[in-house]
């Protein structure tokens, strides 16, 4: 896949100029999408839209097993592992498995002190 649009700072290539522009914000720190409630800035409009659910309380993603609501799809997906018992994250030190990365990181601190 050709990626002709190159970042002048790091050389990474992109398929379109709009994706390059979004990437450039990682170098410049520009956050043009601002929350009208709290003033927090975001590099992309969808990130602002997701953030605004903090203020509205909207929880459009519902667990089909228990009915719990979530503001982000990733939170629902993580929650669903409670019902399935799926454990995707494995400690490289002891082999113990966890449902999410935060539990894995907590376990790794046990090994590192």
PDB file of N, CA and C in Angstrom:
ATOM      1  N   UNK A   1       0.846  -1.183   0.000  1.00  0.00           N
ATOM      2  CA  UNK A   1       0.000   0.000   0.000  1.00  0.00           C
ATOM      3  C   UNK A   1       0.891   1.245   0.000  1.00  0.00           C
ATOM      4  N   UNK A   2       0.684   2.082  -0.961  1.00  0.00           N
ATOM      5  CA  UNK A   2       1.499   3.285  -1.100  1.00  0.00           C
ATOM      6  C   UNK A   2       1.057   4.352  -0.097  1.00  0.00           C
ATOM      7  N   UNK A   3       2.041   4.992   0.527  1.00  0.00           N
ATOM      8  CA  UNK A   3       1.781   6.069   1.478  1.00  0.00           C
ATOM      9  C   UNK A   3       2.637   7.270   1.081  1.00  0.00           C
ATOM     10  N   UNK A   4       2.161   8.035   0.080  1.00  0.00           N
ATOM     11  CA  UNK A   4       2.991   9.097  -0.490  1.00  0.00           C
ATOM     12  C   UNK A   4       3.104  10.366   0.351  1.00  0.00           C
ATOM     13  N   UNK A   5       2.232  10.539   1.329  1.00  0.00           N
ATOM     14  CA  UNK A   5       2.246  11.767   2.128  1.00  0.00           C
ATOM     15  C   UNK A   5       3.136  11.537   3.339  1.00  0.00           C
ATOM     16  N   UNK A   6       4.294  12.209   3.375  1.00  0.00           N
ATOM     17  CA  UNK A   6       5.300  11.996   4.416  1.00  0.00           C
ATOM     18  C   UNK A   6       5.319  13.128   5.435  1.00  0.00           C
ATOM     19  N   UNK A   7       5.495  12.730   6.683  1.00  0.00           N
ATOM     20  CA  UNK A   7       5.629  13.697   7.772  1.00  0.00           C
ATOM     21  C   UNK A   7       7.030  14.300   7.709  1.00  0.00           C
ATOM     22  N   UNK A   8       7.107  15.608   7.723  1.00  0.00           N
ATOM     23  CA  UNK A   8       8.389  16.300   7.679  1.00  0.00           C
ATOM     24  C   UNK A   8       9.195  16.163   8.960  1.00  0.00           C
ATOM     25  N   UNK A   9       8.543  15.791  10.049  1.00  0.00           N
ATOM     26  CA  UNK A   9       9.248  15.665  11.330  1.00  0.00           C
ATOM     27  C   UNK A   9       9.821  14.273  11.557  1.00  0.00           C
ATOM     28  N   UNK A  10       9.040  13.235  11.258  1.00  0.00           N
ATOM     29  CA  UNK A  10       9.484  11.870  11.584  1.00  0.00           C
ATOM     30  C   UNK A  10       9.606  10.956  10.370  1.00  0.00           C
ATOM     31  N   UNK A  11       9.116  11.404   9.204  1.00  0.00           N
ATOM     32  CA  UNK A  11       9.233  10.605   7.989  1.00  0.00           C
ATOM     33  C   UNK A  11       8.182   9.536   7.793  1.00  0.00           C
ATOM     34  N   UNK A  12       7.273   9.393   8.732  1.00  0.00           N
ATOM     35  CA  UNK A  12       6.222   8.393   8.605  1.00  0.00           C
ATOM     36  C   UNK A  12       5.324   8.733   7.419  1.00  0.00           C
ATOM     37  N   UNK A  13       4.887   7.699   6.666  1.00  0.00           N
ATOM     38  CA  UNK A  13       4.065   7.916   5.491  1.00  0.00           C
ATOM     39  C   UNK A  13       2.584   7.700   5.754  1.00  0.00           C
ATOM     40  N   UNK A  14       1.737   8.385   4.982  1.00  0.00           N
ATOM     41  CA  UNK A  14       0.288   8.301   5.130  1.00  0.00           C
ATOM     42  C   UNK A  14      -0.376   8.231   3.768  1.00  0.00           C
ATOM     43  N   UNK A  15      -1.572   7.631   3.741  1.00  0.00           N
ATOM     44  CA  UNK A  15      -2.310   7.453   2.490  1.00  0.00           C
ATOM     45  C   UNK A  15      -2.940   8.733   1.984  1.00  0.00           C
ATOM     46  N   UNK A  16      -3.337   9.616   2.900  1.00  0.00           N
ATOM     47  CA  UNK A  16      -4.035  10.838   2.509  1.00  0.00           C
ATOM     48  C   UNK A  16      -3.462  12.043   3.252  1.00  0.00           C
ATOM     49  N   UNK A  17      -3.615  13.241   2.682  1.00  0.00           N
ATOM     50  CA  UNK A  17      -3.123  14.438   3.377  1.00  0.00           C
ATOM     51  C   UNK A  17      -3.878  14.712   4.679  1.00  0.00           C
ATOM     52  N   UNK A  18      -5.158  14.329   4.747  1.00  0.00           N
ATOM     53  CA  UNK A  18      -5.911  14.600   5.975  1.00  0.00           C
ATOM     54  C   UNK A  18      -5.407  13.750   7.140  1.00  0.00           C
ATOM     55  N   UNK A  19      -5.010  12.519   6.861  1.00  0.00           N
ATOM     56  CA  UNK A  19      -4.455  11.668   7.917  1.00  0.00           C
ATOM     57  C   UNK A  19      -3.085  12.202   8.344  1.00  0.00           C
ATOM     58  N   UNK A  20      -2.306  12.684   7.386  1.00  0.00           N
ATOM     59  CA  UNK A  20      -1.020  13.317   7.711  1.00  0.00           C
ATOM     60  C   UNK A  20      -1.242  14.524   8.613  1.00  0.00           C
ATOM     61  N   UNK A  21      -2.233  15.352   8.288  1.00  0.00           N
ATOM     62  CA  UNK A  21      -2.521  16.547   9.098  1.00  0.00           C
ATOM     63  C   UNK A  21      -2.865  16.167  10.537  1.00  0.00           C
ATOM     64  N   UNK A  22      -3.669  15.138  10.703  1.00  0.00           N
ATOM     65  CA  UNK A  22      -4.009  14.669  12.054  1.00  0.00           C
ATOM     66  C   UNK A  22      -2.746  14.203  12.776  1.00  0.00           C
ATOM     67  N   UNK A  23      -1.895  13.449  12.072  1.00  0.00           N
ATOM     68  CA  UNK A  23      -0.649  12.966  12.666  1.00  0.00           C
ATOM     69  C   UNK A  23       0.249  14.130  13.089  1.00  0.00           C
ATOM     70  N   UNK A  24       0.331  15.158  12.272  1.00  0.00           N
ATOM     71  CA  UNK A  24       1.211  16.304  12.568  1.00  0.00           C
ATOM     72  C   UNK A  24       0.881  16.921  13.924  1.00  0.00           C
ATOM     73  N   UNK A  25      -0.357  16.822  14.324  1.00  0.00           N
ATOM     74  CA  UNK A  25      -0.755  17.370  15.627  1.00  0.00           C
ATOM     75  C   UNK A  25      -0.027  16.668  16.776  1.00  0.00           C
ATOM     76  N   UNK A  26       0.426  15.437  16.554  1.00  0.00           N
ATOM     77  CA  UNK A  26       1.186  14.752  17.601  1.00  0.00           C
ATOM     78  C   UNK A  26       2.541  15.432  17.809  1.00  0.00           C
ATOM     79  N   UNK A  27       3.037  16.111  16.799  1.00  0.00           N
ATOM     80  CA  UNK A  27       4.299  16.841  16.910  1.00  0.00           C
ATOM     81  C   UNK A  27       4.089  18.274  17.401  1.00  0.00           C
ATOM     82  N   UNK A  28       3.017  18.900  16.949  1.00  0.00           N
ATOM     83  CA  UNK A  28       2.802  20.318  17.270  1.00  0.00           C
ATOM     84  C   UNK A  28       2.069  20.530  18.589  1.00  0.00           C
ATOM     85  N   UNK A  29       1.330  19.509  19.035  1.00  0.00           N
ATOM     86  CA  UNK A  29       0.536  19.668  20.251  1.00  0.00           C
ATOM     87  C   UNK A  29      -0.789  20.370  20.004  1.00  0.00           C
ATOM     88  N   UNK A  30      -1.091  20.667  18.751  1.00  0.00           N
ATOM     89  CA  UNK A  30      -2.338  21.356  18.416  1.00  0.00           C
ATOM     90  C   UNK A  30      -3.536  20.473  18.767  1.00  0.00           C
ATOM     91  N   UNK A  31      -4.534  21.075  19.388  1.00  0.00           N
ATOM     92  CA  UNK A  31      -5.779  20.389  19.755  1.00  0.00           C
ATOM     93  C   UNK A  31      -6.946  21.306  19.378  1.00  0.00           C
ATOM     94  N   UNK A  32      -7.337  21.278  18.099  1.00  0.00           N
ATOM     95  CA  UNK A  32      -8.311  22.257  17.611  1.00  0.00           C
ATOM     96  C   UNK A  32      -9.763  21.972  17.986  1.00  0.00           C
ATOM     97  N   UNK A  33     -10.048  20.811  18.530  1.00  0.00           N
ATOM     98  CA  UNK A  33     -11.432  20.471  18.889  1.00  0.00           C
ATOM     99  C   UNK A  33     -11.560  20.592  20.405  1.00  0.00           C
ATOM    100  N   UNK A  34     -12.309  21.602  20.851  1.00  0.00           N
ATOM    101  CA  UNK A  34     -12.371  21.955  22.263  1.00  0.00           C
ATOM    102  C   UNK A  34     -13.759  21.714  22.844  1.00  0.00           C
ATOM    103  N   UNK A  35     -13.790  21.122  24.028  1.00  0.00           N
ATOM    104  CA  UNK A  35     -15.050  20.870  24.725  1.00  0.00           C
ATOM    105  C   UNK A  35     -15.616  22.192  25.248  1.00  0.00           C
ATOM    106  N   UNK A  36     -16.863  22.462  24.914  1.00  0.00           N
ATOM    107  CA  UNK A  36     -17.506  23.712  25.351  1.00  0.00           C
ATOM    108  C   UNK A  36     -17.837  23.684  26.846  1.00  0.00           C
ATOM    109  N   UNK A  37     -17.861  22.505  27.446  1.00  0.00           N
ATOM    110  CA  UNK A  37     -18.179  22.391  28.879  1.00  0.00           C
ATOM    111  C   UNK A  37     -16.967  22.633  29.770  1.00  0.00           C
ATOM    112  N   UNK A  38     -15.824  22.028  29.408  1.00  0.00           N
ATOM    113  CA  UNK A  38     -14.672  22.082  30.312  1.00  0.00           C
ATOM    114  C   UNK A  38     -13.406  22.637  29.679  1.00  0.00           C
ATOM    115  N   UNK A  39     -13.420  22.869  28.361  1.00  0.00           N
ATOM    116  CA  UNK A  39     -12.269  23.448  27.696  1.00  0.00           C
ATOM    117  C   UNK A  39     -11.174  22.477  27.289  1.00  0.00           C
ATOM    118  N   UNK A  40     -11.343  21.206  27.574  1.00  0.00           N
ATOM    119  CA  UNK A  40     -10.332  20.221  27.195  1.00  0.00           C
ATOM    120  C   UNK A  40     -10.255  20.136  25.676  1.00  0.00           C
ATOM    121  N   UNK A  41      -9.020  20.033  25.148  1.00  0.00           N
ATOM    122  CA  UNK A  41      -8.820  20.003  23.706  1.00  0.00           C
ATOM    123  C   UNK A  41      -8.497  18.608  23.194  1.00  0.00           C
ATOM    124  N   UNK A  42      -8.830  18.364  21.920  1.00  0.00           N
ATOM    125  CA  UNK A  42      -8.621  17.063  21.296  1.00  0.00           C
ATOM    126  C   UNK A  42      -8.072  17.249  19.893  1.00  0.00           C
ATOM    127  N   UNK A  43      -7.312  16.264  19.434  1.00  0.00           N
ATOM    128  CA  UNK A  43      -6.714  16.325  18.104  1.00  0.00           C
ATOM    129  C   UNK A  43      -7.696  15.947  17.012  1.00  0.00           C
ATOM    130  N   UNK A  44      -8.764  15.211  17.382  1.00  0.00           N
ATOM    131  CA  UNK A  44      -9.736  14.754  16.386  1.00  0.00           C
ATOM    132  C   UNK A  44     -11.152  14.955  16.912  1.00  0.00           C
ATOM    133  N   UNK A  45     -12.058  15.261  15.997  1.00  0.00           N
ATOM    134  CA  UNK A  45     -13.457  15.485  16.356  1.00  0.00           C
ATOM    135  C   UNK A  45     -14.111  14.274  17.032  1.00  0.00           C
ATOM    136  N   UNK A  46     -13.878  13.036  16.547  1.00  0.00           N
ATOM    137  CA  UNK A  46     -14.504  11.888  17.224  1.00  0.00           C
ATOM    138  C   UNK A  46     -14.057  11.732  18.678  1.00  0.00           C
ATOM    139  N   UNK A  47     -12.833  12.132  18.987  1.00  0.00           N
ATOM    140  CA  UNK A  47     -12.375  12.048  20.374  1.00  0.00           C
ATOM    141  C   UNK A  47     -13.124  13.043  21.252  1.00  0.00           C
ATOM    142  N   UNK A  48     -13.406  14.222  20.710  1.00  0.00           N
ATOM    143  CA  UNK A  48     -14.213  15.204  21.435  1.00  0.00           C
ATOM    144  C   UNK A  48     -15.617  14.669  21.656  1.00  0.00           C
ATOM    145  N   UNK A  49     -16.213  14.082  20.631  1.00  0.00           N
ATOM    146  CA  UNK A  49     -17.575  13.555  20.743  1.00  0.00           C
ATOM    147  C   UNK A  49     -17.659  12.480  21.826  1.00  0.00           C
ATOM    148  N   UNK A  50     -16.663  11.604  21.876  1.00  0.00           N
ATOM    149  CA  UNK A  50     -16.633  10.570  22.922  1.00  0.00           C
ATOM    150  C   UNK A  50     -16.487  11.215  24.291  1.00  0.00           C
ATOM    151  N   UNK A  51     -15.601  12.201  24.414  1.00  0.00           N
ATOM    152  CA  UNK A  51     -15.390  12.892  25.688  1.00  0.00           C
ATOM    153  C   UNK A  51     -16.673  13.550  26.193  1.00  0.00           C
ATOM    154  N   UNK A  52     -17.444  14.137  25.289  1.00  0.00           N
ATOM    155  CA  UNK A  52     -18.638  14.869  25.710  1.00  0.00           C
ATOM    156  C   UNK A  52     -19.645  13.978  26.437  1.00  0.00           C
ATOM    157  N   UNK A  53     -19.532  12.683  26.264  1.00  0.00           N
ATOM    158  CA  UNK A  53     -20.407  11.764  27.005  1.00  0.00           C
ATOM    159  C   UNK A  53     -20.153  11.820  28.508  1.00  0.00           C
ATOM    160  N   UNK A  54     -18.970  12.278  28.904  1.00  0.00           N
ATOM    161  CA  UNK A  54     -18.675  12.484  30.323  1.00  0.00           C
ATOM    162  C   UNK A  54     -19.653  13.501  30.897  1.00  0.00           C
ATOM    163  N   UNK A  55     -19.946  14.528  30.122  1.00  0.00           N
ATOM    164  CA  UNK A  55     -20.820  15.603  30.588  1.00  0.00           C
ATOM    165  C   UNK A  55     -22.300  15.268  30.417  1.00  0.00           C
ATOM    166  N   UNK A  56     -22.645  14.549  29.349  1.00  0.00           N
ATOM    167  CA  UNK A  56     -24.059  14.255  29.082  1.00  0.00           C
ATOM    168  C   UNK A  56     -24.545  13.006  29.812  1.00  0.00           C
ATOM    169  N   UNK A  57     -23.606  12.136  30.183  1.00  0.00           N
ATOM    170  CA  UNK A  57     -23.990  10.875  30.822  1.00  0.00           C
ATOM    171  C   UNK A  57     -24.474   9.835  29.827  1.00  0.00           C
ATOM    172  N   UNK A  58     -24.369  10.125  28.548  1.00  0.00           N
ATOM    173  CA  UNK A  58     -24.823   9.185  27.516  1.00  0.00           C
ATOM    174  C   UNK A  58     -24.000   7.899  27.577  1.00  0.00           C
ATOM    175  N   UNK A  59     -24.694   6.768  27.505  1.00  0.00           N
ATOM    176  CA  UNK A  59     -24.051   5.454  27.504  1.00  0.00           C
ATOM    177  C   UNK A  59     -24.696   4.608  26.397  1.00  0.00           C
ATOM    178  N   UNK A  60     -24.267   4.833  25.145  1.00  0.00           N
ATOM    179  CA  UNK A  60     -24.941   4.198  24.015  1.00  0.00           C
ATOM    180  C   UNK A  60     -24.588   2.724  23.789  1.00  0.00           C
ATOM    181  N   UNK A  61     -23.593   2.206  24.505  1.00  0.00           N
ATOM    182  CA  UNK A  61     -23.186   0.810  24.301  1.00  0.00           C
ATOM    183  C   UNK A  61     -23.667  -0.022  25.477  1.00  0.00           C
ATOM    184  N   UNK A  62     -24.570  -0.969  25.203  1.00  0.00           N
ATOM    185  CA  UNK A  62     -25.227  -1.748  26.245  1.00  0.00           C
ATOM    186  C   UNK A  62     -24.802  -3.214  26.190  1.00  0.00           C
ATOM    187  N   UNK A  63     -24.501  -3.770  27.350  1.00  0.00           N
ATOM    188  CA  UNK A  63     -24.129  -5.182  27.442  1.00  0.00           C
ATOM    189  C   UNK A  63     -25.369  -6.034  27.207  1.00  0.00           C
ATOM    190  N   UNK A  64     -25.322  -6.951  26.242  1.00  0.00           N
ATOM    191  CA  UNK A  64     -26.486  -7.796  25.980  1.00  0.00           C
ATOM    192  C   UNK A  64     -26.735  -8.826  27.080  1.00  0.00           C
ATOM    193  N   UNK A  65     -25.727  -9.071  27.922  1.00  0.00           N
ATOM    194  CA  UNK A  65     -25.884 -10.072  28.982  1.00  0.00           C
ATOM    195  C   UNK A  65     -26.503  -9.514  30.252  1.00  0.00           C
ATOM    196  N   UNK A  66     -26.096  -8.291  30.650  1.00  0.00           N
ATOM    197  CA  UNK A  66     -26.580  -7.768  31.930  1.00  0.00           C
ATOM    198  C   UNK A  66     -27.233  -6.394  31.832  1.00  0.00           C
ATOM    199  N   UNK A  67     -27.156  -5.753  30.662  1.00  0.00           N
ATOM    200  CA  UNK A  67     -27.801  -4.457  30.485  1.00  0.00           C
ATOM    201  C   UNK A  67     -26.998  -3.255  30.942  1.00  0.00           C
ATOM    202  N   UNK A  68     -25.783  -3.455  31.428  1.00  0.00           N
ATOM    203  CA  UNK A  68     -24.950  -2.325  31.836  1.00  0.00           C
ATOM    204  C   UNK A  68     -24.642  -1.459  30.625  1.00  0.00           C
ATOM    205  N   UNK A  69     -24.580  -0.140  30.840  1.00  0.00           N
ATOM    206  CA  UNK A  69     -24.309   0.793  29.756  1.00  0.00           C
ATOM    207  C   UNK A  69     -22.910   1.369  29.848  1.00  0.00           C
ATOM    208  N   UNK A  70     -22.336   1.692  28.686  1.00  0.00           N
ATOM    209  CA  UNK A  70     -20.977   2.208  28.622  1.00  0.00           C
ATOM    210  C   UNK A  70     -20.901   3.350  27.616  1.00  0.00           C
ATOM    211  N   UNK A  71     -20.025   4.308  27.889  1.00  0.00           N
ATOM    212  CA  UNK A  71     -19.886   5.458  27.004  1.00  0.00           C
ATOM    213  C   UNK A  71     -18.972   5.156  25.819  1.00  0.00           C
ATOM    214  N   UNK A  72     -18.145   4.115  25.929  1.00  0.00           N
ATOM    215  CA  UNK A  72     -17.227   3.760  24.853  1.00  0.00           C
ATOM    216  C   UNK A  72     -17.352   2.284  24.511  1.00  0.00           C
ATOM    217  N   UNK A  73     -17.240   1.972  23.239  1.00  0.00           N
ATOM    218  CA  UNK A  73     -17.306   0.582  22.785  1.00  0.00           C
ATOM    219  C   UNK A  73     -16.212  -0.248  23.433  1.00  0.00           C
ATOM    220  N   UNK A  74     -15.012   0.303  23.561  1.00  0.00           N
ATOM    221  CA  UNK A  74     -13.905  -0.451  24.159  1.00  0.00           C
ATOM    222  C   UNK A  74     -14.202  -0.824  25.611  1.00  0.00           C
ATOM    223  N   UNK A  75     -14.909   0.025  26.325  1.00  0.00           N
ATOM    224  CA  UNK A  75     -15.283  -0.290  27.710  1.00  0.00           C
ATOM    225  C   UNK A  75     -16.284  -1.436  27.754  1.00  0.00           C
ATOM    226  N   UNK A  76     -17.233  -1.442  26.831  1.00  0.00           N
ATOM    227  CA  UNK A  76     -18.179  -2.560  26.741  1.00  0.00           C
ATOM    228  C   UNK A  76     -17.441  -3.854  26.426  1.00  0.00           C
ATOM    229  N   UNK A  77     -16.526  -3.801  25.465  1.00  0.00           N
ATOM    230  CA  UNK A  77     -15.795  -5.003  25.075  1.00  0.00           C
ATOM    231  C   UNK A  77     -14.986  -5.559  26.243  1.00  0.00           C
ATOM    232  N   UNK A  78     -14.363  -4.689  26.999  1.00  0.00           N
ATOM    233  CA  UNK A  78     -13.615  -5.117  28.176  1.00  0.00           C
ATOM    234  C   UNK A  78     -14.557  -5.725  29.211  1.00  0.00           C
ATOM    235  N   UNK A  79     -15.699  -5.086  29.444  1.00  0.00           N
ATOM    236  CA  UNK A  79     -16.695  -5.577  30.395  1.00  0.00           C
ATOM    237  C   UNK A  79     -17.198  -6.968  30.019  1.00  0.00           C
ATOM    238  N   UNK A  80     -17.407  -7.195  28.741  1.00  0.00           N
ATOM    239  CA  UNK A  80     -17.976  -8.470  28.303  1.00  0.00           C
ATOM    240  C   UNK A  80     -17.093  -9.665  28.659  1.00  0.00           C
ATOM    241  N   UNK A  81     -15.810  -9.427  28.875  1.00  0.00           N
ATOM    242  CA  UNK A  81     -14.921 -10.516  29.286  1.00  0.00           C
ATOM    243  C   UNK A  81     -15.294 -11.060  30.655  1.00  0.00           C
ATOM    244  N   UNK A  82     -16.001 -10.264  31.455  1.00  0.00           N
ATOM    245  CA  UNK A  82     -16.498 -10.760  32.740  1.00  0.00           C
ATOM    246  C   UNK A  82     -17.449 -11.919  32.487  1.00  0.00           C
ATOM    247  N   UNK A  83     -18.290 -11.790  31.483  1.00  0.00           N
ATOM    248  CA  UNK A  83     -19.285 -12.818  31.173  1.00  0.00           C
ATOM    249  C   UNK A  83     -18.685 -14.018  30.450  1.00  0.00           C
ATOM    250  N   UNK A  84     -17.697 -13.761  29.574  1.00  0.00           N
ATOM    251  CA  UNK A  84     -17.124 -14.851  28.779  1.00  0.00           C
ATOM    252  C   UNK A  84     -15.988 -15.568  29.497  1.00  0.00           C
ATOM    253  N   UNK A  85     -15.374 -14.888  30.466  1.00  0.00           N
ATOM    254  CA  UNK A  85     -14.217 -15.464  31.152  1.00  0.00           C
ATOM    255  C   UNK A  85     -12.936 -15.354  30.339  1.00  0.00           C
ATOM    256  N   UNK A  86     -13.012 -14.701  29.180  1.00  0.00           N
ATOM    257  CA  UNK A  86     -11.857 -14.554  28.302  1.00  0.00           C
ATOM    258  C   UNK A  86     -10.776 -13.707  28.986  1.00  0.00           C
ATOM    259  N   UNK A  87      -9.545 -14.186  28.882  1.00  0.00           N
ATOM    260  CA  UNK A  87      -8.407 -13.483  29.478  1.00  0.00           C
ATOM    261  C   UNK A  87      -7.329 -13.355  28.408  1.00  0.00           C
ATOM    262  N   UNK A  88      -7.185 -12.142  27.853  1.00  0.00           N
ATOM    263  CA  UNK A  88      -6.305 -11.909  26.715  1.00  0.00           C
ATOM    264  C   UNK A  88      -4.891 -11.503  27.083  1.00  0.00           C
ATOM    265  N   UNK A  89      -4.655 -11.129  28.328  1.00  0.00           N
ATOM    266  CA  UNK A  89      -3.380 -10.541  28.709  1.00  0.00           C
ATOM    267  C   UNK A  89      -2.668 -11.453  29.702  1.00  0.00           C
ATOM    268  N   UNK A  90      -1.441 -11.858  29.359  1.00  0.00           N
ATOM    269  CA  UNK A  90      -0.688 -12.838  30.145  1.00  0.00           C
ATOM    270  C   UNK A  90       0.572 -12.214  30.710  1.00  0.00           C
ATOM    271  N   UNK A  91       0.823 -12.445  31.985  1.00  0.00           N
ATOM    272  CA  UNK A  91       2.032 -11.965  32.638  1.00  0.00           C
ATOM    273  C   UNK A  91       3.227 -12.777  32.126  1.00  0.00           C
ATOM    274  N   UNK A  92       4.231 -12.080  31.631  1.00  0.00           N
ATOM    275  CA  UNK A  92       5.413 -12.766  31.091  1.00  0.00           C
ATOM    276  C   UNK A  92       6.265 -13.388  32.191  1.00  0.00           C
ATOM    277  N   UNK A  93       6.083 -12.953  33.427  1.00  0.00           N
ATOM    278  CA  UNK A  93       6.859 -13.486  34.541  1.00  0.00           C
ATOM    279  C   UNK A  93       6.290 -14.794  35.094  1.00  0.00           C
ATOM    280  N   UNK A  94       4.975 -14.846  35.283  1.00  0.00           N
ATOM    281  CA  UNK A  94       4.388 -16.011  35.957  1.00  0.00           C
ATOM    282  C   UNK A  94       3.340 -16.745  35.128  1.00  0.00           C
ATOM    283  N   UNK A  95       2.936 -16.157  33.995  1.00  0.00           N
ATOM    284  CA  UNK A  95       1.962 -16.815  33.135  1.00  0.00           C
ATOM    285  C   UNK A  95       0.505 -16.614  33.535  1.00  0.00           C
ATOM    286  N   UNK A  96       0.253 -15.896  34.619  1.00  0.00           N
ATOM    287  CA  UNK A  96      -1.123 -15.637  35.031  1.00  0.00           C
ATOM    288  C   UNK A  96      -1.817 -14.771  33.984  1.00  0.00           C
ATOM    289  N   UNK A  97      -3.103 -15.051  33.735  1.00  0.00           N
ATOM    290  CA  UNK A  97      -3.850 -14.349  32.694  1.00  0.00           C
ATOM    291  C   UNK A  97      -4.866 -13.387  33.294  1.00  0.00           C
ATOM    292  N   UNK A  98      -5.101 -12.285  32.545  1.00  0.00           N
ATOM    293  CA  UNK A  98      -5.981 -11.219  33.019  1.00  0.00           C
ATOM    294  C   UNK A  98      -6.927 -10.759  31.924  1.00  0.00           C
ATOM    295  N   UNK A  99      -8.062 -10.169  32.339  1.00  0.00           N
ATOM    296  CA  UNK A  99      -9.074  -9.690  31.392  1.00  0.00           C
ATOM    297  C   UNK A  99      -8.702  -8.360  30.758  1.00  0.00           C
ATOM    298  N   UNK A 100      -7.892  -7.553  31.451  1.00  0.00           N
ATOM    299  CA  UNK A 100      -7.541  -6.243  30.896  1.00  0.00           C
ATOM    300  C   UNK A 100      -6.112  -5.855  31.268  1.00  0.00           C
ATOM    301  N   UNK A 101      -5.609  -4.853  30.587  1.00  0.00           N
ATOM    302  CA  UNK A 101      -4.208  -4.463  30.768  1.00  0.00           C
ATOM    303  C   UNK A 101      -3.948  -3.850  32.139  1.00  0.00           C
ATOM    304  N   UNK A 102      -4.936  -3.187  32.721  1.00  0.00           N
ATOM    305  CA  UNK A 102      -4.689  -2.572  34.029  1.00  0.00           C
ATOM    306  C   UNK A 102      -4.448  -3.645  35.087  1.00  0.00           C
ATOM    307  N   UNK A 103      -5.157  -4.749  35.018  1.00  0.00           N
ATOM    308  CA  UNK A 103      -4.926  -5.837  35.966  1.00  0.00           C
ATOM    309  C   UNK A 103      -3.563  -6.485  35.721  1.00  0.00           C
ATOM    310  N   UNK A 104      -3.187  -6.616  34.455  1.00  0.00           N
ATOM    311  CA  UNK A 104      -1.871  -7.149  34.125  1.00  0.00           C
ATOM    312  C   UNK A 104      -0.767  -6.245  34.663  1.00  0.00           C
ATOM    313  N   UNK A 105      -0.891  -4.937  34.467  1.00  0.00           N
ATOM    314  CA  UNK A 105       0.132  -4.009  34.971  1.00  0.00           C
ATOM    315  C   UNK A 105       0.248  -4.088  36.488  1.00  0.00           C
ATOM    316  N   UNK A 106      -0.880  -4.213  37.170  1.00  0.00           N
ATOM    317  CA  UNK A 106      -0.855  -4.340  38.622  1.00  0.00           C
ATOM    318  C   UNK A 106      -0.093  -5.604  39.022  1.00  0.00           C
ATOM    319  N   UNK A 107      -0.301  -6.696  38.295  1.00  0.00           N
ATOM    320  CA  UNK A 107       0.401  -7.942  38.574  1.00  0.00           C
ATOM    321  C   UNK A 107       1.907  -7.790  38.323  1.00  0.00           C
ATOM    322  N   UNK A 108       2.258  -7.120  37.246  1.00  0.00           N
ATOM    323  CA  UNK A 108       3.676  -6.946  36.926  1.00  0.00           C
ATOM    324  C   UNK A 108       4.408  -6.157  38.003  1.00  0.00           C
ATOM    325  N   UNK A 109       3.698  -5.250  38.653  1.00  0.00           N
ATOM    326  CA  UNK A 109       4.315  -4.496  39.750  1.00  0.00           C
ATOM    327  C   UNK A 109       4.638  -5.405  40.936  1.00  0.00           C
ATOM    328  N   UNK A 110       3.880  -6.496  41.098  1.00  0.00           N
ATOM    329  CA  UNK A 110       4.182  -7.470  42.142  1.00  0.00           C
ATOM    330  C   UNK A 110       5.578  -8.049  41.915  1.00  0.00           C
ATOM    331  N   UNK A 111       5.904  -8.304  40.637  1.00  0.00           N
ATOM    332  CA  UNK A 111       7.201  -8.894  40.304  1.00  0.00           C
ATOM    333  C   UNK A 111       8.344  -7.884  40.368  1.00  0.00           C
ATOM    334  N   UNK A 112       8.053  -6.627  40.017  1.00  0.00           N
ATOM    335  CA  UNK A 112       9.125  -5.627  39.957  1.00  0.00           C
ATOM    336  C   UNK A 112       9.300  -4.862  41.265  1.00  0.00           C
ATOM    337  N   UNK A 113       8.320  -5.012  42.164  1.00  0.00           N
ATOM    338  CA  UNK A 113       8.391  -4.279  43.443  1.00  0.00           C
ATOM    339  C   UNK A 113       7.951  -2.859  43.260  1.00  0.00           C
TER     340      UNK A 113
END
